[in-house]
Amino acid sequence: MKILKKEPGGVYYLKDIPNTLEAMQTEVGGYIEQVTVDRSCAIICNEEGLIKGLPYNTKLAGIHFLGPIFVVGTKGEEYCDVPALVAEILEVTA
């Protein structure tokens, strides 16, 4: 699935990953936590970012994130490609 990834200090970029728990955990470096933005997308981050002392990344949807994050699309309870509109809002170019 296509995700929008952002490392601390970096910019958003598109990336293809398998739609598996293991792949998502690899992207954030540990246990994942979902922050729902709306019906069509969510932010996935490291659940233990604060405990592990991960570096500051960004503020999205009024929440400060630590460590690597990515934005993914949602359809019901399933993850899918990030919506194109989200990439446009975050000014990502393919």
N, C-alpha and C. Protein backbone atom coordinates (compact mmCIF):
# COMPACT_ATOMS: atom_id res chain seq x y z
N MET A 1 0.85 -1.17 0.00
CA MET A 1 0.00 0.00 0.00
C MET A 1 0.89 1.23 0.00
N LYS A 2 0.37 2.33 -0.53
CA LYS A 2 1.12 3.58 -0.57
C LYS A 2 0.89 4.35 0.73
N ILE A 3 2.00 4.78 1.34
CA ILE A 3 1.93 5.57 2.56
C ILE A 3 2.69 6.87 2.35
N LEU A 4 2.43 7.84 3.21
CA LEU A 4 3.22 9.07 3.26
C LEU A 4 4.07 8.97 4.52
N LYS A 5 5.37 8.84 4.35
CA LYS A 5 6.28 8.64 5.48
C LYS A 5 6.99 9.95 5.81
N LYS A 6 7.28 10.17 7.09
CA LYS A 6 8.06 11.33 7.50
C LYS A 6 8.94 10.93 8.67
N GLU A 7 10.22 11.14 8.50
CA GLU A 7 11.20 10.94 9.57
C GLU A 7 11.39 12.27 10.29
N PRO A 8 11.82 12.26 11.55
CA PRO A 8 12.12 13.53 12.23
C PRO A 8 13.13 14.35 11.43
N GLY A 9 12.84 15.62 11.23
CA GLY A 9 13.73 16.49 10.48
C GLY A 9 13.64 16.35 8.97
N GLY A 10 12.82 15.44 8.50
CA GLY A 10 12.72 15.21 7.06
C GLY A 10 11.43 15.76 6.48
N VAL A 11 11.20 15.42 5.23
CA VAL A 11 9.99 15.84 4.53
C VAL A 11 9.15 14.59 4.23
N TYR A 12 7.88 14.79 3.94
CA TYR A 12 7.00 13.69 3.58
C TYR A 12 7.40 13.13 2.22
N TYR A 13 7.35 11.81 2.10
CA TYR A 13 7.59 11.17 0.80
C TYR A 13 6.71 9.94 0.68
N LEU A 14 6.34 9.61 -0.56
CA LEU A 14 5.52 8.43 -0.82
C LEU A 14 6.38 7.18 -0.77
N LYS A 15 5.81 6.11 -0.24
CA LYS A 15 6.53 4.85 -0.15
C LYS A 15 5.53 3.71 -0.23
N ASP A 16 5.92 2.63 -0.89
CA ASP A 16 5.08 1.42 -0.95
C ASP A 16 5.56 0.44 0.10
N ILE A 17 4.62 -0.07 0.91
CA ILE A 17 4.95 -1.10 1.89
C ILE A 17 3.89 -2.18 1.83
N PRO A 18 4.21 -3.40 2.28
CA PRO A 18 3.17 -4.43 2.37
C PRO A 18 2.14 -4.03 3.43
N ASN A 19 0.92 -4.43 3.25
CA ASN A 19 -0.15 -4.11 4.20
C ASN A 19 -0.16 -5.16 5.30
N THR A 20 0.91 -5.17 6.12
CA THR A 20 1.03 -6.12 7.22
C THR A 20 1.44 -5.38 8.49
N LEU A 21 1.11 -5.96 9.63
CA LEU A 21 1.51 -5.39 10.90
C LEU A 21 3.03 -5.29 11.00
N GLU A 22 3.72 -6.32 10.56
CA GLU A 22 5.18 -6.33 10.63
C GLU A 22 5.79 -5.19 9.83
N ALA A 23 5.28 -4.94 8.64
CA ALA A 23 5.81 -3.85 7.80
C ALA A 23 5.56 -2.49 8.45
N MET A 24 4.38 -2.32 9.03
CA MET A 24 4.06 -1.05 9.69
C MET A 24 4.94 -0.85 10.92
N GLN A 25 5.18 -1.90 11.69
CA GLN A 25 6.06 -1.81 12.86
C GLN A 25 7.48 -1.46 12.45
N THR A 26 7.94 -2.00 11.33
CA THR A 26 9.27 -1.69 10.82
C THR A 26 9.38 -0.21 10.48
N GLU A 27 8.34 0.35 9.88
CA GLU A 27 8.36 1.76 9.47
C GLU A 27 8.47 2.72 10.65
N VAL A 28 7.87 2.37 11.80
CA VAL A 28 7.91 3.27 12.96
C VAL A 28 8.92 2.82 14.01
N GLY A 29 9.53 1.65 13.82
CA GLY A 29 10.55 1.18 14.74
C GLY A 29 10.01 0.62 16.04
N GLY A 30 8.83 0.02 16.02
CA GLY A 30 8.27 -0.56 17.24
C GLY A 30 6.78 -0.75 17.14
N TYR A 31 6.15 -0.85 18.31
CA TYR A 31 4.70 -1.04 18.34
C TYR A 31 4.00 0.17 17.71
N ILE A 32 2.93 -0.11 16.96
CA ILE A 32 2.23 0.99 16.28
C ILE A 32 1.07 1.50 17.11
N GLU A 33 0.78 2.77 16.91
CA GLU A 33 -0.41 3.40 17.47
C GLU A 33 -1.08 4.17 16.35
N GLN A 34 -2.40 4.05 16.25
CA GLN A 34 -3.16 4.75 15.22
C GLN A 34 -3.82 5.98 15.80
N VAL A 35 -3.67 7.10 15.08
CA VAL A 35 -4.39 8.33 15.42
C VAL A 35 -5.31 8.61 14.23
N THR A 36 -6.60 8.47 14.43
CA THR A 36 -7.56 8.66 13.36
C THR A 36 -7.73 10.14 13.07
N VAL A 37 -7.58 10.50 11.80
CA VAL A 37 -7.74 11.90 11.37
C VAL A 37 -9.17 12.14 10.93
N ASP A 38 -9.66 11.29 10.06
CA ASP A 38 -11.07 11.31 9.64
C ASP A 38 -11.41 9.93 9.09
N ARG A 39 -12.55 9.82 8.40
CA ARG A 39 -12.96 8.50 7.90
C ARG A 39 -12.02 7.94 6.85
N SER A 40 -11.21 8.78 6.22
CA SER A 40 -10.42 8.30 5.08
C SER A 40 -8.94 8.13 5.37
N CYS A 41 -8.45 8.58 6.52
CA CYS A 41 -7.01 8.42 6.78
C CYS A 41 -6.69 8.43 8.27
N ALA A 42 -5.50 7.89 8.56
CA ALA A 42 -5.01 7.83 9.93
C ALA A 42 -3.50 8.05 9.92
N ILE A 43 -2.97 8.47 11.07
CA ILE A 43 -1.53 8.62 11.25
C ILE A 43 -1.07 7.45 12.10
N ILE A 44 -0.01 6.79 11.66
CA ILE A 44 0.55 5.67 12.40
C ILE A 44 1.89 6.12 12.97
N CYS A 45 2.06 5.92 14.29
CA CYS A 45 3.28 6.33 14.96
C CYS A 45 3.76 5.23 15.89
N ASN A 46 4.92 5.44 16.51
CA ASN A 46 5.46 4.51 17.49
C ASN A 46 4.75 4.75 18.82
N GLU A 47 4.10 3.72 19.33
CA GLU A 47 3.35 3.81 20.57
C GLU A 47 4.22 4.23 21.76
N GLU A 48 5.50 3.89 21.72
CA GLU A 48 6.40 4.16 22.83
C GLU A 48 7.38 5.29 22.54
N GLY A 49 7.01 6.19 21.64
CA GLY A 49 7.90 7.28 21.24
C GLY A 49 8.40 8.11 22.40
N LEU A 50 7.52 8.46 23.31
CA LEU A 50 7.91 9.28 24.47
C LEU A 50 8.78 8.48 25.44
N ILE A 51 8.38 7.25 25.72
CA ILE A 51 9.13 6.38 26.64
C ILE A 51 10.55 6.13 26.12
N LYS A 52 10.66 5.92 24.81
CA LYS A 52 11.97 5.64 24.19
C LYS A 52 12.80 6.89 23.94
N GLY A 53 12.21 8.07 24.17
CA GLY A 53 12.93 9.32 23.94
C GLY A 53 13.20 9.59 22.48
N LEU A 54 12.27 9.21 21.60
CA LEU A 54 12.45 9.44 20.17
C LEU A 54 12.42 10.95 19.88
N PRO A 55 13.12 11.36 18.84
CA PRO A 55 13.17 12.80 18.52
C PRO A 55 11.83 13.33 18.00
N TYR A 56 11.62 14.64 18.23
CA TYR A 56 10.41 15.31 17.77
C TYR A 56 10.33 15.22 16.25
N ASN A 57 9.12 14.98 15.75
CA ASN A 57 8.92 14.89 14.31
C ASN A 57 8.09 16.07 13.79
N THR A 58 6.82 16.15 14.21
CA THR A 58 5.93 17.16 13.65
C THR A 58 4.66 17.27 14.49
N LYS A 59 3.85 18.26 14.16
CA LYS A 59 2.53 18.39 14.76
C LYS A 59 1.50 18.26 13.65
N LEU A 60 0.60 17.31 13.80
CA LEU A 60 -0.48 17.08 12.84
C LEU A 60 -1.77 16.87 13.62
N ALA A 61 -2.84 17.40 13.11
CA ALA A 61 -4.16 17.23 13.74
C ALA A 61 -4.12 17.62 15.21
N GLY A 62 -3.29 18.61 15.54
CA GLY A 62 -3.20 19.11 16.91
C GLY A 62 -2.39 18.24 17.86
N ILE A 63 -1.70 17.23 17.33
CA ILE A 63 -0.94 16.30 18.16
C ILE A 63 0.53 16.36 17.78
N HIS A 64 1.41 16.39 18.78
CA HIS A 64 2.86 16.36 18.54
C HIS A 64 3.29 14.90 18.43
N PHE A 65 4.08 14.58 17.38
CA PHE A 65 4.55 13.22 17.15
C PHE A 65 6.05 13.13 17.33
N LEU A 66 6.48 12.00 17.90
CA LEU A 66 7.89 11.71 18.10
C LEU A 66 8.26 10.50 17.25
N GLY A 67 9.47 10.52 16.71
CA GLY A 67 9.93 9.39 15.89
C GLY A 67 9.27 9.38 14.53
N PRO A 68 9.58 8.35 13.74
CA PRO A 68 9.01 8.26 12.39
C PRO A 68 7.50 8.05 12.44
N ILE A 69 6.82 8.63 11.48
CA ILE A 69 5.37 8.46 11.35
C ILE A 69 5.04 8.20 9.89
N PHE A 70 3.82 7.73 9.65
CA PHE A 70 3.32 7.70 8.28
C PHE A 70 1.81 7.87 8.29
N VAL A 71 1.30 8.37 7.16
CA VAL A 71 -0.12 8.58 6.97
C VAL A 71 -0.60 7.51 5.99
N VAL A 72 -1.72 6.89 6.32
CA VAL A 72 -2.26 5.80 5.52
C VAL A 72 -3.75 6.04 5.32
N GLY A 73 -4.28 5.50 4.24
CA GLY A 73 -5.72 5.57 4.02
C GLY A 73 -6.45 4.53 4.84
N THR A 74 -7.73 4.77 5.09
CA THR A 74 -8.55 3.79 5.80
C THR A 74 -9.87 3.59 5.07
N LYS A 75 -10.33 2.36 5.08
CA LYS A 75 -11.66 2.00 4.57
C LYS A 75 -12.28 1.10 5.61
N GLY A 76 -13.15 1.67 6.42
CA GLY A 76 -13.68 0.92 7.55
C GLY A 76 -12.55 0.66 8.54
N GLU A 77 -12.32 -0.60 8.85
CA GLU A 77 -11.24 -0.96 9.77
C GLU A 77 -9.99 -1.43 9.04
N GLU A 78 -9.97 -1.31 7.72
CA GLU A 78 -8.83 -1.76 6.92
C GLU A 78 -7.97 -0.58 6.50
N TYR A 79 -6.67 -0.83 6.39
CA TYR A 79 -5.74 0.18 5.86
C TYR A 79 -5.64 0.03 4.36
N CYS A 80 -5.40 1.16 3.67
CA CYS A 80 -5.27 1.16 2.23
C CYS A 80 -4.35 2.32 1.81
N ASP A 81 -4.21 2.53 0.51
CA ASP A 81 -3.37 3.62 0.01
C ASP A 81 -3.81 4.96 0.60
N VAL A 82 -2.83 5.80 0.88
CA VAL A 82 -3.12 7.14 1.37
C VAL A 82 -3.89 7.91 0.29
N PRO A 83 -4.94 8.63 0.65
CA PRO A 83 -5.70 9.38 -0.36
C PRO A 83 -4.83 10.46 -1.03
N ALA A 84 -5.01 10.66 -2.32
CA ALA A 84 -4.24 11.65 -3.07
C ALA A 84 -4.41 13.05 -2.50
N LEU A 85 -5.60 13.36 -2.01
CA LEU A 85 -5.86 14.68 -1.45
C LEU A 85 -4.95 14.95 -0.24
N VAL A 86 -4.67 13.94 0.56
CA VAL A 86 -3.80 14.11 1.72
C VAL A 86 -2.39 14.48 1.26
N ALA A 87 -1.91 13.81 0.22
CA ALA A 87 -0.59 14.14 -0.32
C ALA A 87 -0.56 15.57 -0.82
N GLU A 88 -1.62 16.02 -1.46
CA GLU A 88 -1.67 17.40 -1.94
C GLU A 88 -1.65 18.39 -0.78
N ILE A 89 -2.42 18.11 0.27
CA ILE A 89 -2.47 19.00 1.42
C ILE A 89 -1.09 19.12 2.08
N LEU A 90 -0.38 17.99 2.18
CA LEU A 90 0.94 17.99 2.80
C LEU A 90 2.05 18.35 1.82
N GLU A 91 1.66 18.76 0.61
CA GLU A 91 2.57 19.24 -0.43
C GLU A 91 3.65 18.21 -0.78
N VAL A 92 3.20 16.97 -1.02
CA VAL A 92 4.11 15.90 -1.40
C VAL A 92 4.07 15.75 -2.91
N THR A 93 5.23 15.60 -3.51
CA THR A 93 5.30 15.34 -4.94
C THR A 93 5.84 13.94 -5.15
N ALA A 94 5.26 13.25 -6.09
CA ALA A 94 5.65 11.85 -6.34
C ALA A 94 6.97 11.74 -7.05
